[in-house]
Amino acid sequence: MILFISIVGLMLIKLTFSEFNESEFYFRLLGVFAILDILGTIATPVLNNIRGTTANN
């Protein structure tokens, strides 16, 4: 999950410092990694709750 966060962050930094001359594929790829990042963020606490683990274990 940290990998997806890093990829999205780096892609956004690249867009910030460039002139937005990227292709449509770049923005689609950014969307894919953003969705994977969000799904991982949502799934982590849900799966921990199902397994019955807490942060203290």
PDB file of N, CA and C in Angstrom:
ATOM      1  N   MET A   1       0.829  -1.180   0.000  1.00  0.00           N
ATOM      2  CA  MET A   1       0.000   0.000   0.000  1.00  0.00           C
ATOM      3  C   MET A   1       0.880   1.251   0.000  1.00  0.00           C
ATOM      4  N   ILE A   2       1.980   1.213   0.698  1.00  0.00           N
ATOM      5  CA  ILE A   2       2.873   2.365   0.726  1.00  0.00           C
ATOM      6  C   ILE A   2       3.443   2.620  -0.668  1.00  0.00           C
ATOM      7  N   LEU A   3       3.613   1.562  -1.431  1.00  0.00           N
ATOM      8  CA  LEU A   3       4.113   1.707  -2.796  1.00  0.00           C
ATOM      9  C   LEU A   3       3.149   2.532  -3.640  1.00  0.00           C
ATOM     10  N   PHE A   4       1.845   2.248  -3.534  1.00  0.00           N
ATOM     11  CA  PHE A   4       0.857   2.989  -4.317  1.00  0.00           C
ATOM     12  C   PHE A   4       0.800   4.453  -3.898  1.00  0.00           C
ATOM     13  N   ILE A   5       0.913   4.713  -2.596  1.00  0.00           N
ATOM     14  CA  ILE A   5       0.925   6.098  -2.110  1.00  0.00           C
ATOM     15  C   ILE A   5       2.131   6.838  -2.683  1.00  0.00           C
ATOM     16  N   SER A   6       3.270   6.181  -2.693  1.00  0.00           N
ATOM     17  CA  SER A   6       4.485   6.806  -3.224  1.00  0.00           C
ATOM     18  C   SER A   6       4.372   7.077  -4.719  1.00  0.00           C
ATOM     19  N   ILE A   7       3.822   6.118  -5.454  1.00  0.00           N
ATOM     20  CA  ILE A   7       3.674   6.291  -6.901  1.00  0.00           C
ATOM     21  C   ILE A   7       2.751   7.461  -7.211  1.00  0.00           C
ATOM     22  N   VAL A   8       1.609   7.528  -6.534  1.00  0.00           N
ATOM     23  CA  VAL A   8       0.669   8.628  -6.765  1.00  0.00           C
ATOM     24  C   VAL A   8       1.323   9.959  -6.409  1.00  0.00           C
ATOM     25  N   GLY A   9       2.020  10.001  -5.295  1.00  0.00           N
ATOM     26  CA  GLY A   9       2.698  11.231  -4.895  1.00  0.00           C
ATOM     27  C   GLY A   9       3.735  11.679  -5.910  1.00  0.00           C
ATOM     28  N   LEU A  10       4.550  10.754  -6.379  1.00  0.00           N
ATOM     29  CA  LEU A  10       5.578  11.103  -7.360  1.00  0.00           C
ATOM     30  C   LEU A  10       4.969  11.542  -8.689  1.00  0.00           C
ATOM     31  N   MET A  11       3.886  10.888  -9.097  1.00  0.00           N
ATOM     32  CA  MET A  11       3.228  11.292 -10.339  1.00  0.00           C
ATOM     33  C   MET A  11       2.636  12.694 -10.215  1.00  0.00           C
ATOM     34  N   LEU A  12       2.076  13.013  -9.049  1.00  0.00           N
ATOM     35  CA  LEU A  12       1.517  14.349  -8.844  1.00  0.00           C
ATOM     36  C   LEU A  12       2.613  15.406  -8.769  1.00  0.00           C
ATOM     37  N   ILE A  13       3.740  15.061  -8.160  1.00  0.00           N
ATOM     38  CA  ILE A  13       4.866  15.999  -8.115  1.00  0.00           C
ATOM     39  C   ILE A  13       5.382  16.272  -9.525  1.00  0.00           C
ATOM     40  N   LYS A  14       5.468  15.217 -10.337  1.00  0.00           N
ATOM     41  CA  LYS A  14       5.918  15.394 -11.721  1.00  0.00           C
ATOM     42  C   LYS A  14       4.970  16.313 -12.477  1.00  0.00           C
ATOM     43  N   LEU A  15       3.665  16.140 -12.283  1.00  0.00           N
ATOM     44  CA  LEU A  15       2.700  17.014 -12.949  1.00  0.00           C
ATOM     45  C   LEU A  15       2.815  18.453 -12.463  1.00  0.00           C
ATOM     46  N   THR A  16       3.123  18.624 -11.193  1.00  0.00           N
ATOM     47  CA  THR A  16       3.241  19.970 -10.634  1.00  0.00           C
ATOM     48  C   THR A  16       4.411  20.728 -11.251  1.00  0.00           C
ATOM     49  N   PHE A  17       5.519  20.048 -11.467  1.00  0.00           N
ATOM     50  CA  PHE A  17       6.714  20.714 -11.973  1.00  0.00           C
ATOM     51  C   PHE A  17       6.862  20.641 -13.490  1.00  0.00           C
ATOM     52  N   SER A  18       5.940  20.001 -14.181  1.00  0.00           N
ATOM     53  CA  SER A  18       6.008  19.948 -15.642  1.00  0.00           C
ATOM     54  C   SER A  18       4.916  20.847 -16.222  1.00  0.00           C
ATOM     55  N   GLU A  19       4.796  20.838 -17.516  1.00  0.00           N
ATOM     56  CA  GLU A  19       3.851  21.721 -18.191  1.00  0.00           C
ATOM     57  C   GLU A  19       2.549  21.015 -18.574  1.00  0.00           C
ATOM     58  N   PHE A  20       2.205  19.919 -17.939  1.00  0.00           N
ATOM     59  CA  PHE A  20       0.982  19.167 -18.203  1.00  0.00           C
ATOM     60  C   PHE A  20       0.893  18.708 -19.657  1.00  0.00           C
ATOM     61  N   ASN A  21       2.002  18.353 -20.239  1.00  0.00           N
ATOM     62  CA  ASN A  21       2.008  17.849 -21.612  1.00  0.00           C
ATOM     63  C   ASN A  21       1.984  16.326 -21.644  1.00  0.00           C
ATOM     64  N   GLU A  22       1.413  15.726 -20.638  1.00  0.00           N
ATOM     65  CA  GLU A  22       1.382  14.269 -20.565  1.00  0.00           C
ATOM     66  C   GLU A  22       0.256  13.726 -21.446  1.00  0.00           C
ATOM     67  N   SER A  23       0.392  12.466 -21.819  1.00  0.00           N
ATOM     68  CA  SER A  23      -0.617  11.831 -22.656  1.00  0.00           C
ATOM     69  C   SER A  23      -1.797  11.364 -21.803  1.00  0.00           C
ATOM     70  N   GLU A  24      -2.832  10.913 -22.489  1.00  0.00           N
ATOM     71  CA  GLU A  24      -4.015  10.406 -21.798  1.00  0.00           C
ATOM     72  C   GLU A  24      -3.666   9.173 -20.973  1.00  0.00           C
ATOM     73  N   PHE A  25      -2.719   8.371 -21.453  1.00  0.00           N
ATOM     74  CA  PHE A  25      -2.305   7.170 -20.732  1.00  0.00           C
ATOM     75  C   PHE A  25      -1.750   7.510 -19.354  1.00  0.00           C
ATOM     76  N   TYR A  26      -1.018   8.611 -19.251  1.00  0.00           N
ATOM     77  CA  TYR A  26      -0.441   9.025 -17.965  1.00  0.00           C
ATOM     78  C   TYR A  26      -1.546   9.287 -16.948  1.00  0.00           C
ATOM     79  N   PHE A  27      -2.590   9.988 -17.370  1.00  0.00           N
ATOM     80  CA  PHE A  27      -3.677  10.304 -16.451  1.00  0.00           C
ATOM     81  C   PHE A  27      -4.499   9.062 -16.101  1.00  0.00           C
ATOM     82  N   ARG A  28      -4.639   8.148 -17.049  1.00  0.00           N
ATOM     83  CA  ARG A  28      -5.319   6.884 -16.745  1.00  0.00           C
ATOM     84  C   ARG A  28      -4.516   6.075 -15.726  1.00  0.00           C
ATOM     85  N   LEU A  29      -3.214   6.041 -15.910  1.00  0.00           N
ATOM     86  CA  LEU A  29      -2.345   5.324 -14.978  1.00  0.00           C
ATOM     87  C   LEU A  29      -2.385   5.965 -13.596  1.00  0.00           C
ATOM     88  N   LEU A  30      -2.408   7.287 -13.542  1.00  0.00           N
ATOM     89  CA  LEU A  30      -2.540   7.997 -12.273  1.00  0.00           C
ATOM     90  C   LEU A  30      -3.853   7.621 -11.593  1.00  0.00           C
ATOM     91  N   GLY A  31      -4.929   7.534 -12.359  1.00  0.00           N
ATOM     92  CA  GLY A  31      -6.226   7.137 -11.806  1.00  0.00           C
ATOM     93  C   GLY A  31      -6.212   5.721 -11.259  1.00  0.00           C
ATOM     94  N   VAL A  32      -5.556   4.816 -11.968  1.00  0.00           N
ATOM     95  CA  VAL A  32      -5.474   3.422 -11.517  1.00  0.00           C
ATOM     96  C   VAL A  32      -4.745   3.331 -10.182  1.00  0.00           C
ATOM     97  N   PHE A  33      -3.604   4.004 -10.081  1.00  0.00           N
ATOM     98  CA  PHE A  33      -2.851   3.953  -8.827  1.00  0.00           C
ATOM     99  C   PHE A  33      -3.578   4.664  -7.696  1.00  0.00           C
ATOM    100  N   ALA A  34      -4.312   5.726  -8.011  1.00  0.00           N
ATOM    101  CA  ALA A  34      -5.093   6.414  -6.978  1.00  0.00           C
ATOM    102  C   ALA A  34      -6.208   5.509  -6.458  1.00  0.00           C
ATOM    103  N   ILE A  35      -6.867   4.781  -7.348  1.00  0.00           N
ATOM    104  CA  ILE A  35      -7.924   3.852  -6.931  1.00  0.00           C
ATOM    105  C   ILE A  35      -7.344   2.726  -6.085  1.00  0.00           C
ATOM    106  N   LEU A  36      -6.204   2.167  -6.496  1.00  0.00           N
ATOM    107  CA  LEU A  36      -5.566   1.114  -5.699  1.00  0.00           C
ATOM    108  C   LEU A  36      -5.158   1.631  -4.326  1.00  0.00           C
ATOM    109  N   ASP A  37      -4.709   2.865  -4.271  1.00  0.00           N
ATOM    110  CA  ASP A  37      -4.345   3.491  -2.997  1.00  0.00           C
ATOM    111  C   ASP A  37      -5.566   3.612  -2.096  1.00  0.00           C
ATOM    112  N   ILE A  38      -6.668   4.077  -2.632  1.00  0.00           N
ATOM    113  CA  ILE A  38      -7.898   4.237  -1.846  1.00  0.00           C
ATOM    114  C   ILE A  38      -8.430   2.882  -1.387  1.00  0.00           C
ATOM    115  N   LEU A  39      -8.436   1.898  -2.284  1.00  0.00           N
ATOM    116  CA  LEU A  39      -8.914   0.566  -1.901  1.00  0.00           C
ATOM    117  C   LEU A  39      -8.053  -0.048  -0.804  1.00  0.00           C
ATOM    118  N   GLY A  40      -6.751   0.135  -0.893  1.00  0.00           N
ATOM    119  CA  GLY A  40      -5.870  -0.376   0.155  1.00  0.00           C
ATOM    120  C   GLY A  40      -6.097   0.313   1.480  1.00  0.00           C
ATOM    121  N   THR A  41      -6.356   1.614   1.431  1.00  0.00           N
ATOM    122  CA  THR A  41      -6.613   2.370   2.653  1.00  0.00           C
ATOM    123  C   THR A  41      -7.906   1.923   3.317  1.00  0.00           C
ATOM    124  N   ILE A  42      -8.914   1.634   2.516  1.00  0.00           N
ATOM    125  CA  ILE A  42     -10.201   1.191   3.062  1.00  0.00           C
ATOM    126  C   ILE A  42     -10.134  -0.260   3.518  1.00  0.00           C
ATOM    127  N   ALA A  43      -9.444  -1.101   2.759  1.00  0.00           N
ATOM    128  CA  ALA A  43      -9.436  -2.534   3.051  1.00  0.00           C
ATOM    129  C   ALA A  43      -8.602  -2.894   4.277  1.00  0.00           C
ATOM    130  N   THR A  44      -7.565  -2.144   4.572  1.00  0.00           N
ATOM    131  CA  THR A  44      -6.682  -2.489   5.684  1.00  0.00           C
ATOM    132  C   THR A  44      -7.400  -2.547   7.025  1.00  0.00           C
ATOM    133  N   PRO A  45      -8.130  -1.512   7.454  1.00  0.00           N
ATOM    134  CA  PRO A  45      -8.815  -1.617   8.750  1.00  0.00           C
ATOM    135  C   PRO A  45      -9.947  -2.643   8.745  1.00  0.00           C
ATOM    136  N   VAL A  46     -10.599  -2.811   7.597  1.00  0.00           N
ATOM    137  CA  VAL A  46     -11.681  -3.800   7.517  1.00  0.00           C
ATOM    138  C   VAL A  46     -11.119  -5.202   7.702  1.00  0.00           C
ATOM    139  N   LEU A  47     -10.033  -5.512   7.012  1.00  0.00           N
ATOM    140  CA  LEU A  47      -9.431  -6.841   7.141  1.00  0.00           C
ATOM    141  C   LEU A  47      -8.853  -7.068   8.530  1.00  0.00           C
ATOM    142  N   ASN A  48      -8.289  -6.035   9.137  1.00  0.00           N
ATOM    143  CA  ASN A  48      -7.805  -6.171  10.512  1.00  0.00           C
ATOM    144  C   ASN A  48      -8.956  -6.435  11.466  1.00  0.00           C
ATOM    145  N   ASN A  49     -10.085  -5.815  11.237  1.00  0.00           N
ATOM    146  CA  ASN A  49     -11.258  -6.034  12.076  1.00  0.00           C
ATOM    147  C   ASN A  49     -11.792  -7.456  11.907  1.00  0.00           C
ATOM    148  N   ILE A  50     -11.786  -7.950  10.693  1.00  0.00           N
ATOM    149  CA  ILE A  50     -12.255  -9.317  10.437  1.00  0.00           C
ATOM    150  C   ILE A  50     -11.324 -10.330  11.101  1.00  0.00           C
ATOM    151  N   ARG A  51     -10.030 -10.097  11.009  1.00  0.00           N
ATOM    152  CA  ARG A  51      -9.067 -11.007  11.627  1.00  0.00           C
ATOM    153  C   ARG A  51      -9.060 -10.898  13.136  1.00  0.00           C
ATOM    154  N   GLY A  52      -9.564  -9.796  13.667  1.00  0.00           N
ATOM    155  CA  GLY A  52      -9.604  -9.617  15.105  1.00  0.00           C
ATOM    156  C   GLY A  52      -8.310  -9.107  15.691  1.00  0.00           C
ATOM    157  N   THR A  53      -7.465  -8.524  14.869  1.00  0.00           N
ATOM    158  CA  THR A  53      -6.207  -7.988  15.371  1.00  0.00           C
ATOM    159  C   THR A  53      -6.354  -6.508  15.664  1.00  0.00           C
ATOM    160  N   THR A  54      -5.529  -6.047  16.573  1.00  0.00           N
ATOM    161  CA  THR A  54      -5.496  -4.624  16.896  1.00  0.00           C
ATOM    162  C   THR A  54      -4.083  -4.114  16.702  1.00  0.00           C
ATOM    163  N   ALA A  55      -3.904  -2.831  16.842  1.00  0.00           N
ATOM    164  CA  ALA A  55      -2.578  -2.239  16.677  1.00  0.00           C
ATOM    165  C   ALA A  55      -1.642  -2.631  17.819  1.00  0.00           C
ATOM    166  N   ASN A  56      -2.187  -3.012  18.962  1.00  0.00           N
ATOM    167  CA  ASN A  56      -1.368  -3.365  20.124  1.00  0.00           C
ATOM    168  C   ASN A  56      -0.828  -4.781  20.063  1.00  0.00           C
ATOM    169  N   ASN A  57      -1.380  -5.641  19.220  1.00  0.00           N
ATOM    170  CA  ASN A  57      -0.942  -7.043  19.168  1.00  0.00           C
ATOM    171  C   ASN A  57       0.330  -7.160  18.417  1.00  0.00           C
TER     172      ASN A  57
END
